Amino acid sequence: MRIISGNYKGKQIKVYKNFKDRPTTDFAKEGLFNILNNMYYFEDIKVLDLFSGTASISFEFASHGTTNITLVDANKKYTEFIKKQSTEMFSEMKFNIITADVFDFVKNYPLNYDVIFADPPYDLAELATLPDLVFENKDILNDTLFILEHSKSNNFKNHPFFIKEKKYGNVHFSLFSKTK
């Protein structure tokens, strides 16, 4: 796994062999960051990465200059990995890494971020509830962009805050915002 663009382009993320995650493909990351590059000055935004896993999306944001990044994952093995990798790769930067249940975090903590990215397991039973939970948070900003990575078996086109879906191979990103 590697960083595909930005200041750290080509830098390898050394993932442990016993990790059972499904990192976002390079092809999908490139497509997503092409979209985001036209929307944001990365240095000026706050990012929340839910189900952060190996942090490949957060590291991509950091490579583009984002310095305010919070990562949340329930698996302590993953958050310890992220702490180690972030210290080695981005020694000048501090990530806010939280070991917590994502659903509890979304319900109980202020979601005052510009971009919220979620990459849950595709077979997660509660995956379809995430957009509602995010937008029910009383502290969410009106212009927050929520990006949900999912498989083709999910369809969010009828959600009131749905903007569009982008497909990159087997990876689907649904984008949501209160301000379309």
C-alpha atoms as a PDB file:
ATOM      1  CA  MET A   1       0.000   0.000   0.000  1.00  0.00           C
ATOM      2  CA  ARG A   2       1.289   3.464  -0.839  1.00  0.00           C
ATOM      3  CA  ILE A   3       0.436   7.137  -0.887  1.00  0.00           C
ATOM      4  CA  ILE A   4      -0.645   7.980  -4.428  1.00  0.00           C
ATOM      5  CA  SER A   5      -0.245  11.777  -4.566  1.00  0.00           C
ATOM      6  CA  GLY A   6       0.814  14.922  -2.754  1.00  0.00           C
ATOM      7  CA  ASN A   7       4.067  15.658  -0.933  1.00  0.00           C
ATOM      8  CA  TYR A   8       4.577  12.034   0.140  1.00  0.00           C
ATOM      9  CA  LYS A   9       3.627  10.456  -3.195  1.00  0.00           C
ATOM     10  CA  GLY A  10       5.044   6.947  -3.545  1.00  0.00           C
ATOM     11  CA  LYS A  11       5.775   6.507   0.166  1.00  0.00           C
ATOM     12  CA  GLN A  12       4.968   2.952   1.264  1.00  0.00           C
ATOM     13  CA  ILE A  13       2.626   2.155   4.142  1.00  0.00           C
ATOM     14  CA  LYS A  14       3.909  -1.083   5.620  1.00  0.00           C
ATOM     15  CA  VAL A  15       0.826  -3.063   6.618  1.00  0.00           C
ATOM     16  CA  TYR A  16       1.129  -6.037   8.962  1.00  0.00           C
ATOM     17  CA  LYS A  17       0.398  -9.357   7.264  1.00  0.00           C
ATOM     18  CA  ASN A  18      -2.225 -10.374   9.823  1.00  0.00           C
ATOM     19  CA  PHE A  19      -4.442  -7.328   9.173  1.00  0.00           C
ATOM     20  CA  LYS A  20      -7.831  -8.269   7.776  1.00  0.00           C
ATOM     21  CA  ASP A  21      -8.739  -4.901   6.348  1.00  0.00           C
ATOM     22  CA  ARG A  22      -9.645  -3.941   2.807  1.00  0.00           C
ATOM     23  CA  PRO A  23      -7.711  -0.750   2.019  1.00  0.00           C
ATOM     24  CA  THR A  24      -9.178   1.611  -0.549  1.00  0.00           C
ATOM     25  CA  THR A  25      -7.579   0.846  -3.913  1.00  0.00           C
ATOM     26  CA  ASP A  26      -5.065   3.256  -5.435  1.00  0.00           C
ATOM     27  CA  PHE A  27      -7.397   3.698  -8.437  1.00  0.00           C
ATOM     28  CA  ALA A  28     -10.297   4.690  -6.172  1.00  0.00           C
ATOM     29  CA  LYS A  29      -8.127   6.993  -3.998  1.00  0.00           C
ATOM     30  CA  GLU A  30      -6.854   8.761  -7.095  1.00  0.00           C
ATOM     31  CA  GLY A  31     -10.402   9.326  -8.364  1.00  0.00           C
ATOM     32  CA  LEU A  32     -11.616  10.543  -4.978  1.00  0.00           C
ATOM     33  CA  PHE A  33      -8.732  12.963  -4.501  1.00  0.00           C
ATOM     34  CA  ASN A  34      -9.221  14.336  -8.017  1.00  0.00           C
ATOM     35  CA  ILE A  35     -12.752  15.279  -6.929  1.00  0.00           C
ATOM     36  CA  LEU A  36     -11.647  16.700  -3.572  1.00  0.00           C
ATOM     37  CA  ASN A  37      -8.773  18.640  -5.122  1.00  0.00           C
ATOM     38  CA  ASN A  38     -11.333  20.703  -7.038  1.00  0.00           C
ATOM     39  CA  MET A  39     -13.362  21.387  -3.878  1.00  0.00           C
ATOM     40  CA  TYR A  40     -10.875  22.186  -1.091  1.00  0.00           C
ATOM     41  CA  TYR A  41      -7.631  23.775  -0.083  1.00  0.00           C
ATOM     42  CA  PHE A  42      -6.432  20.778   1.896  1.00  0.00           C
ATOM     43  CA  GLU A  43      -4.408  22.926   4.293  1.00  0.00           C
ATOM     44  CA  ASP A  44      -7.593  24.649   5.491  1.00  0.00           C
ATOM     45  CA  ILE A  45      -9.844  21.703   6.321  1.00  0.00           C
ATOM     46  CA  LYS A  46     -10.605  19.439   9.276  1.00  0.00           C
ATOM     47  CA  VAL A  47     -10.972  15.753   8.396  1.00  0.00           C
ATOM     48  CA  LEU A  48     -12.562  12.868  10.279  1.00  0.00           C
ATOM     49  CA  ASP A  49     -11.690   9.331   9.148  1.00  0.00           C
ATOM     50  CA  LEU A  50     -14.143   6.731  10.491  1.00  0.00           C
ATOM     51  CA  PHE A  51     -13.275   3.027  10.393  1.00  0.00           C
ATOM     52  CA  SER A  52      -9.769   4.272   9.676  1.00  0.00           C
ATOM     53  CA  GLY A  53      -8.145   0.828   9.439  1.00  0.00           C
ATOM     54  CA  THR A  54      -4.648   1.356   8.057  1.00  0.00           C
ATOM     55  CA  ALA A  55      -5.215   5.125   7.678  1.00  0.00           C
ATOM     56  CA  SER A  56      -4.498   5.160   3.959  1.00  0.00           C
ATOM     57  CA  ILE A  57      -7.115   7.894   3.380  1.00  0.00           C
ATOM     58  CA  SER A  58      -5.866  10.003   6.305  1.00  0.00           C
ATOM     59  CA  PHE A  59      -2.279   9.647   5.130  1.00  0.00           C
ATOM     60  CA  GLU A  60      -3.414  10.766   1.680  1.00  0.00           C
ATOM     61  CA  PHE A  61      -5.008  13.889   3.211  1.00  0.00           C
ATOM     62  CA  ALA A  62      -1.799  14.528   5.186  1.00  0.00           C
ATOM     63  CA  SER A  63       0.232  14.174   2.001  1.00  0.00           C
ATOM     64  CA  HIS A  64      -1.938  16.917   0.494  1.00  0.00           C
ATOM     65  CA  GLY A  65      -1.252  19.264   3.406  1.00  0.00           C
ATOM     66  CA  THR A  66      -4.165  18.633   5.772  1.00  0.00           C
ATOM     67  CA  THR A  67      -2.923  18.999   9.347  1.00  0.00           C
ATOM     68  CA  ASN A  68      -6.157  18.600  11.320  1.00  0.00           C
ATOM     69  CA  ILE A  69      -7.041  14.899  11.020  1.00  0.00           C
ATOM     70  CA  THR A  70      -8.934  12.723  13.483  1.00  0.00           C
ATOM     71  CA  LEU A  71      -9.032   8.950  13.012  1.00  0.00           C
ATOM     72  CA  VAL A  72     -11.475   6.620  14.750  1.00  0.00           C
ATOM     73  CA  ASP A  73     -11.364   2.838  14.774  1.00  0.00           C
ATOM     74  CA  ALA A  74     -12.657   0.325  17.320  1.00  0.00           C
ATOM     75  CA  ASN A  75      -9.733  -2.042  16.841  1.00  0.00           C
ATOM     76  CA  LYS A  76      -6.832  -1.144  19.136  1.00  0.00           C
ATOM     77  CA  LYS A  77      -4.457  -3.123  16.897  1.00  0.00           C
ATOM     78  CA  TYR A  78      -5.262  -0.706  14.062  1.00  0.00           C
ATOM     79  CA  THR A  79      -5.011   2.472  16.129  1.00  0.00           C
ATOM     80  CA  GLU A  80      -1.637   1.342  17.522  1.00  0.00           C
ATOM     81  CA  PHE A  81      -0.498   0.648  13.947  1.00  0.00           C
ATOM     82  CA  ILE A  82      -1.654   4.131  12.889  1.00  0.00           C
ATOM     83  CA  LYS A  83       0.230   5.750  15.779  1.00  0.00           C
ATOM     84  CA  LYS A  84       3.417   3.936  14.791  1.00  0.00           C
ATOM     85  CA  GLN A  85       3.080   4.638  11.047  1.00  0.00           C
ATOM     86  CA  SER A  86       2.111   8.289  11.515  1.00  0.00           C
ATOM     87  CA  THR A  87       5.119   8.898  13.773  1.00  0.00           C
ATOM     88  CA  GLU A  88       7.468   7.289  11.255  1.00  0.00           C
ATOM     89  CA  MET A  89       5.977   8.880   8.137  1.00  0.00           C
ATOM     90  CA  PHE A  90       4.790  12.279   9.367  1.00  0.00           C
ATOM     91  CA  SER A  91       7.013  13.035  12.349  1.00  0.00           C
ATOM     92  CA  GLU A  92       6.266  16.764  12.113  1.00  0.00           C
ATOM     93  CA  MET A  93       2.511  16.219  12.318  1.00  0.00           C
ATOM     94  CA  LYS A  94       0.202  15.100  15.106  1.00  0.00           C
ATOM     95  CA  PHE A  95      -2.830  12.980  14.282  1.00  0.00           C
ATOM     96  CA  ASN A  96      -5.739  12.682  16.706  1.00  0.00           C
ATOM     97  CA  ILE A  97      -6.119   8.880  16.904  1.00  0.00           C
ATOM     98  CA  ILE A  98      -9.066   7.513  18.872  1.00  0.00           C
ATOM     99  CA  THR A  99      -9.867   3.914  19.735  1.00  0.00           C
ATOM    100  CA  ALA A 100     -13.672   3.857  19.971  1.00  0.00           C
ATOM    101  CA  ASP A 101     -16.796   2.366  18.516  1.00  0.00           C
ATOM    102  CA  VAL A 102     -17.555   4.500  15.461  1.00  0.00           C
ATOM    103  CA  PHE A 103     -21.315   4.525  16.054  1.00  0.00           C
ATOM    104  CA  ASP A 104     -20.870   5.717  19.644  1.00  0.00           C
ATOM    105  CA  PHE A 105     -18.405   8.362  18.469  1.00  0.00           C
ATOM    106  CA  VAL A 106     -20.783   9.673  15.785  1.00  0.00           C
ATOM    107  CA  LYS A 107     -23.654   9.859  18.285  1.00  0.00           C
ATOM    108  CA  ASN A 108     -21.734  11.422  21.177  1.00  0.00           C
ATOM    109  CA  TYR A 109     -18.973  13.687  19.851  1.00  0.00           C
ATOM    110  CA  PRO A 110     -19.198  16.954  17.897  1.00  0.00           C
ATOM    111  CA  LEU A 111     -18.834  16.313  14.172  1.00  0.00           C
ATOM    112  CA  ASN A 112     -17.634  19.797  13.274  1.00  0.00           C
ATOM    113  CA  TYR A 113     -15.441  18.649  10.377  1.00  0.00           C
ATOM    114  CA  ASP A 114     -15.264  19.812   6.783  1.00  0.00           C
ATOM    115  CA  VAL A 115     -14.862  16.276   5.424  1.00  0.00           C
ATOM    116  CA  ILE A 116     -15.964  13.045   7.074  1.00  0.00           C
ATOM    117  CA  PHE A 117     -14.805   9.858   5.386  1.00  0.00           C
ATOM    118  CA  ALA A 118     -16.124   6.423   6.382  1.00  0.00           C
ATOM    119  CA  ASP A 119     -14.855   3.105   5.075  1.00  0.00           C
ATOM    120  CA  PRO A 120     -16.750   0.484   7.088  1.00  0.00           C
ATOM    121  CA  PRO A 121     -16.598  -3.227   6.331  1.00  0.00           C
ATOM    122  CA  TYR A 122     -18.798  -3.701   3.273  1.00  0.00           C
ATOM    123  CA  ASP A 123     -20.805  -6.414   5.040  1.00  0.00           C
ATOM    124  CA  LEU A 124     -21.471  -4.323   8.154  1.00  0.00           C
ATOM    125  CA  ALA A 125     -25.169  -4.657   8.998  1.00  0.00           C
ATOM    126  CA  GLU A 126     -25.457  -1.013  10.136  1.00  0.00           C
ATOM    127  CA  LEU A 127     -23.667   0.473   7.102  1.00  0.00           C
ATOM    128  CA  ALA A 128     -26.887   1.881   5.633  1.00  0.00           C
ATOM    129  CA  THR A 129     -27.603   3.819   8.854  1.00  0.00           C
ATOM    130  CA  LEU A 130     -24.366   5.841   8.756  1.00  0.00           C
ATOM    131  CA  PRO A 131     -25.585   8.815   6.679  1.00  0.00           C
ATOM    132  CA  ASP A 132     -28.551   9.346   8.995  1.00  0.00           C
ATOM    133  CA  LEU A 133     -26.398   9.047  12.124  1.00  0.00           C
ATOM    134  CA  VAL A 134     -23.856  11.521  10.797  1.00  0.00           C
ATOM    135  CA  PHE A 135     -26.444  14.123   9.830  1.00  0.00           C
ATOM    136  CA  GLU A 136     -28.402  13.700  13.079  1.00  0.00           C
ATOM    137  CA  ASN A 137     -25.341  14.922  15.004  1.00  0.00           C
ATOM    138  CA  LYS A 138     -26.257  18.370  16.350  1.00  0.00           C
ATOM    139  CA  ASP A 139     -22.772  19.775  15.742  1.00  0.00           C
ATOM    140  CA  ILE A 140     -22.364  18.815  12.092  1.00  0.00           C
ATOM    141  CA  LEU A 141     -21.542  21.769   9.877  1.00  0.00           C
ATOM    142  CA  ASN A 142     -24.027  22.677   7.144  1.00  0.00           C
ATOM    143  CA  ASP A 143     -21.385  22.282   4.462  1.00  0.00           C
ATOM    144  CA  THR A 144     -19.754  19.096   5.799  1.00  0.00           C
ATOM    145  CA  LEU A 145     -19.035  16.631   3.016  1.00  0.00           C
ATOM    146  CA  PHE A 146     -19.687  13.056   4.145  1.00  0.00           C
ATOM    147  CA  ILE A 147     -18.081  10.386   1.953  1.00  0.00           C
ATOM    148  CA  LEU A 148     -19.150   6.794   2.463  1.00  0.00           C
ATOM    149  CA  GLU A 149     -17.212   3.989   0.800  1.00  0.00           C
ATOM    150  CA  HIS A 150     -19.334   0.925   0.068  1.00  0.00           C
ATOM    151  CA  SER A 151     -20.006  -1.895  -2.376  1.00  0.00           C
ATOM    152  CA  LYS A 152     -22.460  -1.906  -5.258  1.00  0.00           C
ATOM    153  CA  SER A 153     -25.070  -3.585  -3.047  1.00  0.00           C
ATOM    154  CA  ASN A 154     -25.801  -0.248  -1.311  1.00  0.00           C
ATOM    155  CA  ASN A 155     -27.826   2.516  -2.904  1.00  0.00           C
ATOM    156  CA  PHE A 156     -28.180   5.908  -1.220  1.00  0.00           C
ATOM    157  CA  LYS A 157     -29.689   7.899  -4.114  1.00  0.00           C
ATOM    158  CA  ASN A 158     -32.918   8.528  -2.190  1.00  0.00           C
ATOM    159  CA  HIS A 159     -31.197   9.910   0.896  1.00  0.00           C
ATOM    160  CA  PRO A 160     -32.149  13.595   1.386  1.00  0.00           C
ATOM    161  CA  PHE A 161     -28.496  14.714   1.566  1.00  0.00           C
ATOM    162  CA  PHE A 162     -27.183  12.509  -1.261  1.00  0.00           C
ATOM    163  CA  ILE A 163     -25.156  14.400  -3.872  1.00  0.00           C
ATOM    164  CA  LYS A 164     -23.694  11.732  -6.128  1.00  0.00           C
ATOM    165  CA  GLU A 165     -22.097   8.323  -6.320  1.00  0.00           C
ATOM    166  CA  LYS A 166     -18.735   7.700  -7.941  1.00  0.00           C
ATOM    167  CA  LYS A 167     -17.627   4.202  -8.944  1.00  0.00           C
ATOM    168  CA  TYR A 168     -14.035   3.043  -9.269  1.00  0.00           C
ATOM    169  CA  GLY A 169     -14.020  -0.673 -10.038  1.00  0.00           C
ATOM    170  CA  ASN A 170     -15.652  -2.411  -7.065  1.00  0.00           C
ATOM    171  CA  VAL A 171     -15.303   0.680  -4.871  1.00  0.00           C
ATOM    172  CA  HIS A 172     -18.286   3.016  -4.621  1.00  0.00           C
ATOM    173  CA  PHE A 173     -18.210   6.411  -2.929  1.00  0.00           C
ATOM    174  CA  SER A 174     -21.494   8.084  -2.032  1.00  0.00           C
ATOM    175  CA  LEU A 175     -21.143  11.792  -1.283  1.00  0.00           C
ATOM    176  CA  PHE A 176     -23.579  13.622   0.994  1.00  0.00           C
ATOM    177  CA  SER A 177     -24.006  17.191   2.228  1.00  0.00           C
ATOM    178  CA  LYS A 178     -26.775  19.377   3.615  1.00  0.00           C
ATOM    179  CA  THR A 179     -25.768  22.025   1.080  1.00  0.00           C
ATOM    180  CA  LYS A 180     -25.794  20.398  -2.322  1.00  0.00           C
END
